[in-house]
Amino acid sequence: MRPRHKLATDECADLQHALDHCDTLRELDHLVTGFADMLRHRRGQRLDDWINQAKAGSIPQLRGFAEGLLKDYDAVRNGLTLPWSSGAVEGAVCRIKAYKRSMYGRANFDLLRTRVLAQ
């Protein structure tokens, strides 16, 4: 779904109409947009409040998601707060795994090593 500020006027009106008539949808919209704001603007200091709201809410899937965030709280908080990312490392690992899968059963480790180092 597009961010709300990018919706056309009639789409905004339709969304507002749906939110006005459904409490669950209104709660979902509030929690999802709050979490998206934390992600987009690195506002990890709001994580505790968001988790408490989600756990107190009526949507079981969001309560489960909040519980899952608590299981790895430090990593989630750091990911929402700190400017560093492991994206480059994860991308390299994914690329190497793709090479490994494509060469499975056809080549040995030496050829895989050469292919990875050649990139």
PDB file of N, CA and C in Angstrom:
ATOM      1  N   MET A   1       0.843  -1.189   0.000  1.00  0.00           N
ATOM      2  CA  MET A   1       0.000   0.000   0.000  1.00  0.00           C
ATOM      3  C   MET A   1       0.881   1.243   0.000  1.00  0.00           C
ATOM      4  N   ARG A   2       0.455   2.229  -0.713  1.00  0.00           N
ATOM      5  CA  ARG A   2       1.193   3.480  -0.771  1.00  0.00           C
ATOM      6  C   ARG A   2       1.045   4.248   0.541  1.00  0.00           C
ATOM      7  N   PRO A   3       2.070   5.036   0.896  1.00  0.00           N
ATOM      8  CA  PRO A   3       1.926   5.882   2.086  1.00  0.00           C
ATOM      9  C   PRO A   3       0.731   6.813   1.938  1.00  0.00           C
ATOM     10  N   ARG A   4       0.126   7.158   3.038  1.00  0.00           N
ATOM     11  CA  ARG A   4      -1.097   7.947   3.017  1.00  0.00           C
ATOM     12  C   ARG A   4      -0.930   9.278   2.280  1.00  0.00           C
ATOM     13  N   HIS A   5       0.221   9.916   2.418  1.00  0.00           N
ATOM     14  CA  HIS A   5       0.405  11.213   1.759  1.00  0.00           C
ATOM     15  C   HIS A   5       0.502  11.084   0.243  1.00  0.00           C
ATOM     16  N   LYS A   6       0.649   9.859  -0.272  1.00  0.00           N
ATOM     17  CA  LYS A   6       0.714   9.657  -1.716  1.00  0.00           C
ATOM     18  C   LYS A   6      -0.615   9.155  -2.296  1.00  0.00           C
ATOM     19  N   LEU A   7      -1.622   9.039  -1.462  1.00  0.00           N
ATOM     20  CA  LEU A   7      -2.924   8.591  -1.941  1.00  0.00           C
ATOM     21  C   LEU A   7      -3.654   9.732  -2.643  1.00  0.00           C
ATOM     22  N   ALA A   8      -4.448   9.374  -3.630  1.00  0.00           N
ATOM     23  CA  ALA A   8      -5.300  10.358  -4.300  1.00  0.00           C
ATOM     24  C   ALA A   8      -6.399  10.792  -3.329  1.00  0.00           C
ATOM     25  N   THR A   9      -7.022  11.901  -3.632  1.00  0.00           N
ATOM     26  CA  THR A   9      -8.054  12.455  -2.755  1.00  0.00           C
ATOM     27  C   THR A   9      -9.189  11.470  -2.512  1.00  0.00           C
ATOM     28  N   ASP A  10      -9.655  10.805  -3.569  1.00  0.00           N
ATOM     29  CA  ASP A  10     -10.759   9.862  -3.397  1.00  0.00           C
ATOM     30  C   ASP A  10     -10.309   8.631  -2.605  1.00  0.00           C
ATOM     31  N   GLU A  11      -9.038   8.236  -2.743  1.00  0.00           N
ATOM     32  CA  GLU A  11      -8.521   7.104  -1.965  1.00  0.00           C
ATOM     33  C   GLU A  11      -8.441   7.466  -0.486  1.00  0.00           C
ATOM     34  N   CYS A  12      -8.019   8.690  -0.192  1.00  0.00           N
ATOM     35  CA  CYS A  12      -7.983   9.153   1.205  1.00  0.00           C
ATOM     36  C   CYS A  12      -9.380   9.169   1.808  1.00  0.00           C
ATOM     37  N   ALA A  13     -10.343   9.611   1.026  1.00  0.00           N
ATOM     38  CA  ALA A  13     -11.725   9.654   1.508  1.00  0.00           C
ATOM     39  C   ALA A  13     -12.247   8.243   1.771  1.00  0.00           C
ATOM     40  N   ASP A  14     -11.931   7.308   0.869  1.00  0.00           N
ATOM     41  CA  ASP A  14     -12.361   5.919   1.061  1.00  0.00           C
ATOM     42  C   ASP A  14     -11.714   5.313   2.308  1.00  0.00           C
ATOM     43  N   LEU A  15     -10.431   5.578   2.485  1.00  0.00           N
ATOM     44  CA  LEU A  15      -9.734   5.064   3.668  1.00  0.00           C
ATOM     45  C   LEU A  15     -10.337   5.640   4.934  1.00  0.00           C
ATOM     46  N   GLN A  16     -10.568   6.936   4.946  1.00  0.00           N
ATOM     47  CA  GLN A  16     -11.147   7.564   6.132  1.00  0.00           C
ATOM     48  C   GLN A  16     -12.539   7.015   6.425  1.00  0.00           C
ATOM     49  N   HIS A  17     -13.313   6.763   5.397  1.00  0.00           N
ATOM     50  CA  HIS A  17     -14.647   6.186   5.568  1.00  0.00           C
ATOM     51  C   HIS A  17     -14.544   4.807   6.220  1.00  0.00           C
ATOM     52  N   ALA A  18     -13.614   3.988   5.748  1.00  0.00           N
ATOM     53  CA  ALA A  18     -13.432   2.653   6.326  1.00  0.00           C
ATOM     54  C   ALA A  18     -12.964   2.750   7.776  1.00  0.00           C
ATOM     55  N   LEU A  19     -12.043   3.664   8.047  1.00  0.00           N
ATOM     56  CA  LEU A  19     -11.540   3.822   9.416  1.00  0.00           C
ATOM     57  C   LEU A  19     -12.628   4.322  10.364  1.00  0.00           C
ATOM     58  N   ASP A  20     -13.509   5.170   9.864  1.00  0.00           N
ATOM     59  CA  ASP A  20     -14.594   5.698  10.698  1.00  0.00           C
ATOM     60  C   ASP A  20     -15.609   4.624  11.067  1.00  0.00           C
ATOM     61  N   HIS A  21     -15.720   3.579  10.263  1.00  0.00           N
ATOM     62  CA  HIS A  21     -16.748   2.570  10.480  1.00  0.00           C
ATOM     63  C   HIS A  21     -16.234   1.258  11.067  1.00  0.00           C
ATOM     64  N   CYS A  22     -14.940   1.158  11.329  1.00  0.00           N
ATOM     65  CA  CYS A  22     -14.405  -0.104  11.847  1.00  0.00           C
ATOM     66  C   CYS A  22     -13.330   0.183  12.889  1.00  0.00           C
ATOM     67  N   ASP A  23     -13.652  -0.129  14.150  1.00  0.00           N
ATOM     68  CA  ASP A  23     -12.709   0.116  15.247  1.00  0.00           C
ATOM     69  C   ASP A  23     -11.433  -0.707  15.100  1.00  0.00           C
ATOM     70  N   THR A  24     -11.571  -1.955  14.670  1.00  0.00           N
ATOM     71  CA  THR A  24     -10.402  -2.820  14.524  1.00  0.00           C
ATOM     72  C   THR A  24      -9.478  -2.285  13.442  1.00  0.00           C
ATOM     73  N   LEU A  25     -10.053  -1.844  12.341  1.00  0.00           N
ATOM     74  CA  LEU A  25      -9.248  -1.287  11.262  1.00  0.00           C
ATOM     75  C   LEU A  25      -8.558   0.001  11.709  1.00  0.00           C
ATOM     76  N   ARG A  26      -9.250   0.805  12.492  1.00  0.00           N
ATOM     77  CA  ARG A  26      -8.672   2.048  13.014  1.00  0.00           C
ATOM     78  C   ARG A  26      -7.486   1.740  13.928  1.00  0.00           C
ATOM     79  N   GLU A  27      -7.648   0.729  14.783  1.00  0.00           N
ATOM     80  CA  GLU A  27      -6.553   0.327  15.675  1.00  0.00           C
ATOM     81  C   GLU A  27      -5.366  -0.204  14.866  1.00  0.00           C
ATOM     82  N   LEU A  28      -5.666  -1.025  13.881  1.00  0.00           N
ATOM     83  CA  LEU A  28      -4.616  -1.575  13.023  1.00  0.00           C
ATOM     84  C   LEU A  28      -3.870  -0.456  12.300  1.00  0.00           C
ATOM     85  N   ASP A  29      -4.610   0.490  11.753  1.00  0.00           N
ATOM     86  CA  ASP A  29      -3.994   1.618  11.049  1.00  0.00           C
ATOM     87  C   ASP A  29      -3.073   2.405  11.976  1.00  0.00           C
ATOM     88  N   HIS A  30      -3.529   2.656  13.188  1.00  0.00           N
ATOM     89  CA  HIS A  30      -2.734   3.418  14.159  1.00  0.00           C
ATOM     90  C   HIS A  30      -1.429   2.685  14.488  1.00  0.00           C
ATOM     91  N   LEU A  31      -1.517   1.395  14.756  1.00  0.00           N
ATOM     92  CA  LEU A  31      -0.330   0.635  15.139  1.00  0.00           C
ATOM     93  C   LEU A  31       0.639   0.444  13.968  1.00  0.00           C
ATOM     94  N   VAL A  32       0.109   0.149  12.799  1.00  0.00           N
ATOM     95  CA  VAL A  32       0.979  -0.083  11.641  1.00  0.00           C
ATOM     96  C   VAL A  32       1.676   1.213  11.219  1.00  0.00           C
ATOM     97  N   THR A  33       0.946   2.309  11.181  1.00  0.00           N
ATOM     98  CA  THR A  33       1.586   3.572  10.797  1.00  0.00           C
ATOM     99  C   THR A  33       2.598   4.009  11.858  1.00  0.00           C
ATOM    100  N   GLY A  34       2.331   3.720  13.118  1.00  0.00           N
ATOM    101  CA  GLY A  34       3.293   4.030  14.174  1.00  0.00           C
ATOM    102  C   GLY A  34       4.577   3.231  14.028  1.00  0.00           C
ATOM    103  N   PHE A  35       4.436   1.944  13.712  1.00  0.00           N
ATOM    104  CA  PHE A  35       5.626   1.116  13.527  1.00  0.00           C
ATOM    105  C   PHE A  35       6.386   1.545  12.276  1.00  0.00           C
ATOM    106  N   ALA A  36       5.672   1.860  11.206  1.00  0.00           N
ATOM    107  CA  ALA A  36       6.317   2.321   9.971  1.00  0.00           C
ATOM    108  C   ALA A  36       7.084   3.617  10.214  1.00  0.00           C
ATOM    109  N   ASP A  37       6.526   4.502  11.036  1.00  0.00           N
ATOM    110  CA  ASP A  37       7.211   5.750  11.373  1.00  0.00           C
ATOM    111  C   ASP A  37       8.509   5.463  12.122  1.00  0.00           C
ATOM    112  N   MET A  38       8.470   4.502  13.055  1.00  0.00           N
ATOM    113  CA  MET A  38       9.698   4.128  13.770  1.00  0.00           C
ATOM    114  C   MET A  38      10.745   3.606  12.799  1.00  0.00           C
ATOM    115  N   LEU A  39      10.328   2.771  11.854  1.00  0.00           N
ATOM    116  CA  LEU A  39      11.266   2.219  10.876  1.00  0.00           C
ATOM    117  C   LEU A  39      11.839   3.307   9.973  1.00  0.00           C
ATOM    118  N   ARG A  40      10.974   4.125   9.443  1.00  0.00           N
ATOM    119  CA  ARG A  40      11.374   5.123   8.465  1.00  0.00           C
ATOM    120  C   ARG A  40      12.278   6.194   9.050  1.00  0.00           C
ATOM    121  N   HIS A  41      12.013   6.599  10.277  1.00  0.00           N
ATOM    122  CA  HIS A  41      12.717   7.729  10.869  1.00  0.00           C
ATOM    123  C   HIS A  41      13.644   7.334  12.023  1.00  0.00           C
ATOM    124  N   ARG A  42      13.890   6.044  12.178  1.00  0.00           N
ATOM    125  CA  ARG A  42      14.797   5.526  13.214  1.00  0.00           C
ATOM    126  C   ARG A  42      14.453   6.100  14.593  1.00  0.00           C
ATOM    127  N   ARG A  43      13.242   5.816  15.026  1.00  0.00           N
ATOM    128  CA  ARG A  43      12.768   6.302  16.325  1.00  0.00           C
ATOM    129  C   ARG A  43      12.574   5.124  17.279  1.00  0.00           C
ATOM    130  N   GLY A  44      13.648   4.401  17.514  1.00  0.00           N
ATOM    131  CA  GLY A  44      13.593   3.227  18.375  1.00  0.00           C
ATOM    132  C   GLY A  44      13.235   3.533  19.816  1.00  0.00           C
ATOM    133  N   GLN A  45      13.378   4.780  20.235  1.00  0.00           N
ATOM    134  CA  GLN A  45      13.026   5.154  21.601  1.00  0.00           C
ATOM    135  C   GLN A  45      11.518   5.024  21.846  1.00  0.00           C
ATOM    136  N   ARG A  46      10.732   4.916  20.775  1.00  0.00           N
ATOM    137  CA  ARG A  46       9.277   4.747  20.902  1.00  0.00           C
ATOM    138  C   ARG A  46       8.855   3.277  20.926  1.00  0.00           C
ATOM    139  N   LEU A  47       9.815   2.376  20.838  1.00  0.00           N
ATOM    140  CA  LEU A  47       9.492   0.953  20.730  1.00  0.00           C
ATOM    141  C   LEU A  47       8.731   0.435  21.938  1.00  0.00           C
ATOM    142  N   ASP A  48       9.140   0.803  23.133  1.00  0.00           N
ATOM    143  CA  ASP A  48       8.459   0.315  24.342  1.00  0.00           C
ATOM    144  C   ASP A  48       6.986   0.697  24.351  1.00  0.00           C
ATOM    145  N   ASP A  49       6.696   1.954  24.023  1.00  0.00           N
ATOM    146  CA  ASP A  49       5.299   2.405  23.986  1.00  0.00           C
ATOM    147  C   ASP A  49       4.509   1.642  22.923  1.00  0.00           C
ATOM    148  N   TRP A  50       5.139   1.436  21.749  1.00  0.00           N
ATOM    149  CA  TRP A  50       4.450   0.732  20.669  1.00  0.00           C
ATOM    150  C   TRP A  50       4.142  -0.709  21.073  1.00  0.00           C
ATOM    151  N   ILE A  51       5.113  -1.379  21.685  1.00  0.00           N
ATOM    152  CA  ILE A  51       4.903  -2.766  22.120  1.00  0.00           C
ATOM    153  C   ILE A  51       3.783  -2.839  23.143  1.00  0.00           C
ATOM    154  N   ASN A  52       3.759  -1.909  24.096  1.00  0.00           N
ATOM    155  CA  ASN A  52       2.698  -1.904  25.110  1.00  0.00           C
ATOM    156  C   ASN A  52       1.328  -1.675  24.481  1.00  0.00           C
ATOM    157  N   GLN A  53       1.240  -0.787  23.493  1.00  0.00           N
ATOM    158  CA  GLN A  53      -0.028  -0.545  22.808  1.00  0.00           C
ATOM    159  C   GLN A  53      -0.471  -1.788  22.039  1.00  0.00           C
ATOM    160  N   ALA A  54       0.473  -2.430  21.356  1.00  0.00           N
ATOM    161  CA  ALA A  54       0.130  -3.618  20.571  1.00  0.00           C
ATOM    162  C   ALA A  54      -0.311  -4.762  21.477  1.00  0.00           C
ATOM    163  N   LYS A  55       0.374  -4.940  22.614  1.00  0.00           N
ATOM    164  CA  LYS A  55       0.002  -6.018  23.541  1.00  0.00           C
ATOM    165  C   LYS A  55      -1.339  -5.758  24.200  1.00  0.00           C
ATOM    166  N   ALA A  56      -1.684  -4.491  24.390  1.00  0.00           N
ATOM    167  CA  ALA A  56      -2.963  -4.147  25.020  1.00  0.00           C
ATOM    168  C   ALA A  56      -4.104  -4.112  24.001  1.00  0.00           C
ATOM    169  N   GLY A  57      -3.770  -4.184  22.726  1.00  0.00           N
ATOM    170  CA  GLY A  57      -4.780  -4.079  21.672  1.00  0.00           C
ATOM    171  C   GLY A  57      -5.592  -5.348  21.505  1.00  0.00           C
ATOM    172  N   SER A  58      -6.526  -5.274  20.571  1.00  0.00           N
ATOM    173  CA  SER A  58      -7.464  -6.380  20.352  1.00  0.00           C
ATOM    174  C   SER A  58      -7.091  -7.263  19.165  1.00  0.00           C
ATOM    175  N   ILE A  59      -5.960  -6.987  18.526  1.00  0.00           N
ATOM    176  CA  ILE A  59      -5.568  -7.741  17.331  1.00  0.00           C
ATOM    177  C   ILE A  59      -4.533  -8.793  17.723  1.00  0.00           C
ATOM    178  N   PRO A  60      -4.920 -10.077  17.726  1.00  0.00           N
ATOM    179  CA  PRO A  60      -4.019 -11.125  18.217  1.00  0.00           C
ATOM    180  C   PRO A  60      -2.722 -11.233  17.417  1.00  0.00           C
ATOM    181  N   GLN A  61      -2.773 -10.978  16.124  1.00  0.00           N
ATOM    182  CA  GLN A  61      -1.560 -11.076  15.311  1.00  0.00           C
ATOM    183  C   GLN A  61      -0.541 -10.009  15.706  1.00  0.00           C
ATOM    184  N   LEU A  62      -1.005  -8.812  16.020  1.00  0.00           N
ATOM    185  CA  LEU A  62      -0.085  -7.759  16.451  1.00  0.00           C
ATOM    186  C   LEU A  62       0.422  -8.009  17.868  1.00  0.00           C
ATOM    187  N   ARG A  63      -0.414  -8.616  18.710  1.00  0.00           N
ATOM    188  CA  ARG A  63       0.074  -8.997  20.043  1.00  0.00           C
ATOM    189  C   ARG A  63       1.187 -10.017  19.907  1.00  0.00           C
ATOM    190  N   GLY A  64       1.016 -10.992  19.015  1.00  0.00           N
ATOM    191  CA  GLY A  64       2.055 -11.994  18.781  1.00  0.00           C
ATOM    192  C   GLY A  64       3.315 -11.378  18.204  1.00  0.00           C
ATOM    193  N   PHE A  65       3.150 -10.419  17.300  1.00  0.00           N
ATOM    194  CA  PHE A  65       4.300  -9.730  16.728  1.00  0.00           C
ATOM    195  C   PHE A  65       5.059  -8.973  17.813  1.00  0.00           C
ATOM    196  N   ALA A  66       4.330  -8.298  18.688  1.00  0.00           N
ATOM    197  CA  ALA A  66       4.962  -7.553  19.782  1.00  0.00           C
ATOM    198  C   ALA A  66       5.711  -8.498  20.712  1.00  0.00           C
ATOM    199  N   GLU A  67       5.124  -9.641  21.013  1.00  0.00           N
ATOM    200  CA  GLU A  67       5.811 -10.640  21.855  1.00  0.00           C
ATOM    201  C   GLU A  67       7.091 -11.117  21.173  1.00  0.00           C
ATOM    202  N   GLY A  68       7.029 -11.309  19.866  1.00  0.00           N
ATOM    203  CA  GLY A  68       8.218 -11.718  19.119  1.00  0.00           C
ATOM    204  C   GLY A  68       9.307 -10.661  19.168  1.00  0.00           C
ATOM    205  N   LEU A  69       8.925  -9.391  19.113  1.00  0.00           N
ATOM    206  CA  LEU A  69       9.910  -8.317  19.215  1.00  0.00           C
ATOM    207  C   LEU A  69      10.608  -8.335  20.565  1.00  0.00           C
ATOM    208  N   LEU A  70       9.863  -8.675  21.603  1.00  0.00           N
ATOM    209  CA  LEU A  70      10.447  -8.720  22.943  1.00  0.00           C
ATOM    210  C   LEU A  70      11.482  -9.831  23.083  1.00  0.00           C
ATOM    211  N   LYS A  71      11.339 -10.907  22.309  1.00  0.00           N
ATOM    212  CA  LYS A  71      12.281 -12.022  22.406  1.00  0.00           C
ATOM    213  C   LYS A  71      13.677 -11.623  21.952  1.00  0.00           C
ATOM    214  N   ASP A  72      13.767 -10.648  21.054  1.00  0.00           N
ATOM    215  CA  ASP A  72      15.066 -10.174  20.594  1.00  0.00           C
ATOM    216  C   ASP A  72      15.093  -8.651  20.694  1.00  0.00           C
ATOM    217  N   TYR A  73      14.696  -8.164  21.854  1.00  0.00           N
ATOM    218  CA  TYR A  73      14.464  -6.745  22.068  1.00  0.00           C
ATOM    219  C   TYR A  73      15.681  -5.877  21.739  1.00  0.00           C
ATOM    220  N   ASP A  74      16.858  -6.256  22.251  1.00  0.00           N
ATOM    221  CA  ASP A  74      18.046  -5.425  22.042  1.00  0.00           C
ATOM    222  C   ASP A  74      18.361  -5.251  20.560  1.00  0.00           C
ATOM    223  N   ALA A  75      18.281  -6.330  19.798  1.00  0.00           N
ATOM    224  CA  ALA A  75      18.570  -6.250  18.358  1.00  0.00           C
ATOM    225  C   ALA A  75      17.529  -5.386  17.645  1.00  0.00           C
ATOM    226  N   VAL A  76      16.268  -5.536  18.014  1.00  0.00           N
ATOM    227  CA  VAL A  76      15.202  -4.743  17.375  1.00  0.00           C
ATOM    228  C   VAL A  76      15.383  -3.267  17.706  1.00  0.00           C
ATOM    229  N   ARG A  77      15.628  -2.980  18.969  1.00  0.00           N
ATOM    230  CA  ARG A  77      15.817  -1.573  19.386  1.00  0.00           C
ATOM    231  C   ARG A  77      17.010  -0.945  18.679  1.00  0.00           C
ATOM    232  N   ASN A  78      18.112  -1.684  18.604  1.00  0.00           N
ATOM    233  CA  ASN A  78      19.294  -1.170  17.911  1.00  0.00           C
ATOM    234  C   ASN A  78      19.022  -0.973  16.430  1.00  0.00           C
ATOM    235  N   GLY A  79      18.302  -1.907  15.829  1.00  0.00           N
ATOM    236  CA  GLY A  79      17.975  -1.779  14.411  1.00  0.00           C
ATOM    237  C   GLY A  79      17.101  -0.577  14.116  1.00  0.00           C
ATOM    238  N   LEU A  80      16.248  -0.209  15.059  1.00  0.00           N
ATOM    239  CA  LEU A  80      15.367   0.944  14.883  1.00  0.00           C
ATOM    240  C   LEU A  80      16.014   2.260  15.304  1.00  0.00           C
ATOM    241  N   THR A  81      17.184   2.190  15.934  1.00  0.00           N
ATOM    242  CA  THR A  81      17.799   3.387  16.487  1.00  0.00           C
ATOM    243  C   THR A  81      19.126   3.740  15.817  1.00  0.00           C
ATOM    244  N   LEU A  82      20.000   2.760  15.676  1.00  0.00           N
ATOM    245  CA  LEU A  82      21.357   3.023  15.208  1.00  0.00           C
ATOM    246  C   LEU A  82      21.418   3.190  13.687  1.00  0.00           C
ATOM    247  N   PRO A  83      22.374   3.974  13.204  1.00  0.00           N
ATOM    248  CA  PRO A  83      22.465   4.226  11.757  1.00  0.00           C
ATOM    249  C   PRO A  83      23.151   3.112  10.976  1.00  0.00           C
ATOM    250  N   TRP A  84      23.706   2.130  11.646  1.00  0.00           N
ATOM    251  CA  TRP A  84      24.441   1.077  10.947  1.00  0.00           C
ATOM    252  C   TRP A  84      23.504  -0.026  10.492  1.00  0.00           C
ATOM    253  N   SER A  85      23.918  -0.708   9.421  1.00  0.00           N
ATOM    254  CA  SER A  85      23.109  -1.777   8.863  1.00  0.00           C
ATOM    255  C   SER A  85      24.008  -2.930   8.441  1.00  0.00           C
ATOM    256  N   SER A  86      23.494  -4.134   8.559  1.00  0.00           N
ATOM    257  CA  SER A  86      24.234  -5.303   8.097  1.00  0.00           C
ATOM    258  C   SER A  86      23.753  -5.723   6.708  1.00  0.00           C
ATOM    259  N   GLY A  87      23.083  -4.832   6.024  1.00  0.00           N
ATOM    260  CA  GLY A  87      22.520  -5.130   4.715  1.00  0.00           C
ATOM    261  C   GLY A  87      23.551  -5.571   3.691  1.00  0.00           C
ATOM    262  N   ALA A  88      24.716  -4.929   3.684  1.00  0.00           N
ATOM    263  CA  ALA A  88      25.752  -5.295   2.718  1.00  0.00           C
ATOM    264  C   ALA A  88      26.264  -6.707   2.973  1.00  0.00           C
ATOM    265  N   VAL A  89      26.447  -7.041   4.237  1.00  0.00           N
ATOM    266  CA  VAL A  89      26.915  -8.383   4.587  1.00  0.00           C
ATOM    267  C   VAL A  89      25.850  -9.419   4.229  1.00  0.00           C
ATOM    268  N   GLU A  90      24.594  -9.130   4.540  1.00  0.00           N
ATOM    269  CA  GLU A  90      23.512 -10.054   4.226  1.00  0.00           C
ATOM    270  C   GLU A  90      23.397 -10.266   2.718  1.00  0.00           C
ATOM    271  N   GLY A  91      23.607  -9.202   1.945  1.00  0.00           N
ATOM    272  CA  GLY A  91      23.566  -9.323   0.500  1.00  0.00           C
ATOM    273  C   GLY A  91      24.674 -10.223  -0.031  1.00  0.00           C
ATOM    274  N   ALA A  92      25.877 -10.085   0.545  1.00  0.00           N
ATOM    275  CA  ALA A  92      27.001 -10.930   0.121  1.00  0.00           C
ATOM    276  C   ALA A  92      26.742 -12.389   0.474  1.00  0.00           C
ATOM    277  N   VAL A  93      26.194 -12.646   1.643  1.00  0.00           N
ATOM    278  CA  VAL A  93      25.886 -14.015   2.060  1.00  0.00           C
ATOM    279  C   VAL A  93      24.838 -14.619   1.125  1.00  0.00           C
ATOM    280  N   CYS A  94      23.829 -13.852   0.791  1.00  0.00           N
ATOM    281  CA  CYS A  94      22.774 -14.329  -0.112  1.00  0.00           C
ATOM    282  C   CYS A  94      23.353 -14.665  -1.490  1.00  0.00           C
ATOM    283  N   ARG A  95      24.249 -13.811  -1.984  1.00  0.00           N
ATOM    284  CA  ARG A  95      24.884 -14.053  -3.285  1.00  0.00           C
ATOM    285  C   ARG A  95      25.708 -15.334  -3.261  1.00  0.00           C
ATOM    286  N   ILE A  96      26.483 -15.540  -2.200  1.00  0.00           N
ATOM    287  CA  ILE A  96      27.316 -16.748  -2.091  1.00  0.00           C
ATOM    288  C   ILE A  96      26.444 -17.997  -2.000  1.00  0.00           C
ATOM    289  N   LYS A  97      25.349 -17.908  -1.258  1.00  0.00           N
ATOM    290  CA  LYS A  97      24.441 -19.053  -1.168  1.00  0.00           C
ATOM    291  C   LYS A  97      23.815 -19.373  -2.520  1.00  0.00           C
ATOM    292  N   ALA A  98      23.510 -18.350  -3.296  1.00  0.00           N
ATOM    293  CA  ALA A  98      22.958 -18.580  -4.630  1.00  0.00           C
ATOM    294  C   ALA A  98      23.978 -19.286  -5.516  1.00  0.00           C
ATOM    295  N   TYR A  99      25.243 -18.873  -5.427  1.00  0.00           N
ATOM    296  CA  TYR A  99      26.301 -19.570  -6.171  1.00  0.00           C
ATOM    297  C   TYR A  99      26.371 -21.029  -5.753  1.00  0.00           C
ATOM    298  N   LYS A 100      26.344 -21.236  -4.454  1.00  0.00           N
ATOM    299  CA  LYS A 100      26.458 -22.599  -3.921  1.00  0.00           C
ATOM    300  C   LYS A 100      25.307 -23.475  -4.418  1.00  0.00           C
ATOM    301  N   ARG A 101      24.085 -22.929  -4.387  1.00  0.00           N
ATOM    302  CA  ARG A 101      22.929 -23.693  -4.860  1.00  0.00           C
ATOM    303  C   ARG A 101      23.031 -24.002  -6.350  1.00  0.00           C
ATOM    304  N   SER A 102      23.494 -23.036  -7.124  1.00  0.00           N
ATOM    305  CA  SER A 102      23.569 -23.248  -8.576  1.00  0.00           C
ATOM    306  C   SER A 102      24.650 -24.248  -8.955  1.00  0.00           C
ATOM    307  N   MET A 103      25.644 -24.423  -8.098  1.00  0.00           N
ATOM    308  CA  MET A 103      26.749 -25.322  -8.408  1.00  0.00           C
ATOM    309  C   MET A 103      26.631 -26.667  -7.694  1.00  0.00           C
ATOM    310  N   TYR A 104      25.572 -26.856  -6.938  1.00  0.00           N
ATOM    311  CA  TYR A 104      25.435 -28.076  -6.132  1.00  0.00           C
ATOM    312  C   TYR A 104      25.522 -29.324  -7.011  1.00  0.00           C
ATOM    313  N   GLY A 105      26.415 -30.235  -6.652  1.00  0.00           N
ATOM    314  CA  GLY A 105      26.560 -31.502  -7.342  1.00  0.00           C
ATOM    315  C   GLY A 105      27.367 -31.435  -8.628  1.00  0.00           C
ATOM    316  N   ARG A 106      27.754 -30.251  -9.060  1.00  0.00           N
ATOM    317  CA  ARG A 106      28.473 -30.116 -10.326  1.00  0.00           C
ATOM    318  C   ARG A 106      29.917 -29.662 -10.164  1.00  0.00           C
ATOM    319  N   ALA A 107      30.265 -29.129  -9.017  1.00  0.00           N
ATOM    320  CA  ALA A 107      31.615 -28.597  -8.860  1.00  0.00           C
ATOM    321  C   ALA A 107      32.090 -28.806  -7.431  1.00  0.00           C
ATOM    322  N   ASN A 108      33.363 -28.630  -7.222  1.00  0.00           N
ATOM    323  CA  ASN A 108      33.912 -28.791  -5.873  1.00  0.00           C
ATOM    324  C   ASN A 108      34.122 -27.423  -5.223  1.00  0.00           C
ATOM    325  N   PHE A 109      34.636 -27.443  -4.015  1.00  0.00           N
ATOM    326  CA  PHE A 109      34.809 -26.216  -3.243  1.00  0.00           C
ATOM    327  C   PHE A 109      35.778 -25.255  -3.924  1.00  0.00           C
ATOM    328  N   ASP A 110      36.828 -25.782  -4.559  1.00  0.00           N
ATOM    329  CA  ASP A 110      37.814 -24.912  -5.207  1.00  0.00           C
ATOM    330  C   ASP A 110      37.178 -24.044  -6.292  1.00  0.00           C
ATOM    331  N   LEU A 111      36.280 -24.626  -7.078  1.00  0.00           N
ATOM    332  CA  LEU A 111      35.611 -23.857  -8.119  1.00  0.00           C
ATOM    333  C   LEU A 111      34.661 -22.817  -7.519  1.00  0.00           C
ATOM    334  N   LEU A 112      33.961 -23.197  -6.450  1.00  0.00           N
ATOM    335  CA  LEU A 112      33.087 -22.243  -5.758  1.00  0.00           C
ATOM    336  C   LEU A 112      33.912 -21.081  -5.216  1.00  0.00           C
ATOM    337  N   ARG A 113      35.036 -21.381  -4.586  1.00  0.00           N
ATOM    338  CA  ARG A 113      35.918 -20.346  -4.032  1.00  0.00           C
ATOM    339  C   ARG A 113      36.398 -19.410  -5.133  1.00  0.00           C
ATOM    340  N   THR A 114      36.799 -19.966  -6.261  1.00  0.00           N
ATOM    341  CA  THR A 114      37.263 -19.146  -7.392  1.00  0.00           C
ATOM    342  C   THR A 114      36.158 -18.254  -7.904  1.00  0.00           C
ATOM    343  N   ARG A 115      34.953 -18.792  -8.015  1.00  0.00           N
ATOM    344  CA  ARG A 115      33.831 -17.996  -8.509  1.00  0.00           C
ATOM    345  C   ARG A 115      33.487 -16.843  -7.552  1.00  0.00           C
ATOM    346  N   VAL A 116      33.519 -17.125  -6.242  1.00  0.00           N
ATOM    347  CA  VAL A 116      33.206 -16.091  -5.260  1.00  0.00           C
ATOM    348  C   VAL A 116      34.287 -15.005  -5.278  1.00  0.00           C
ATOM    349  N   LEU A 117      35.540 -15.395  -5.328  1.00  0.00           N
ATOM    350  CA  LEU A 117      36.626 -14.421  -5.299  1.00  0.00           C
ATOM    351  C   LEU A 117      36.710 -13.623  -6.603  1.00  0.00           C
ATOM    352  N   ALA A 118      36.238 -14.184  -7.700  1.00  0.00           N
ATOM    353  CA  ALA A 118      36.277 -13.486  -8.981  1.00  0.00           C
ATOM    354  C   ALA A 118      35.260 -12.350  -9.031  1.00  0.00           C
ATOM    355  N   GLN A 119      34.251 -12.392  -8.217  1.00  0.00           N
ATOM    356  CA  GLN A 119      33.209 -11.364  -8.231  1.00  0.00           C
ATOM    357  C   GLN A 119      33.650 -10.137  -7.548  1.00  0.00           C
TER     358      GLN A 119
END
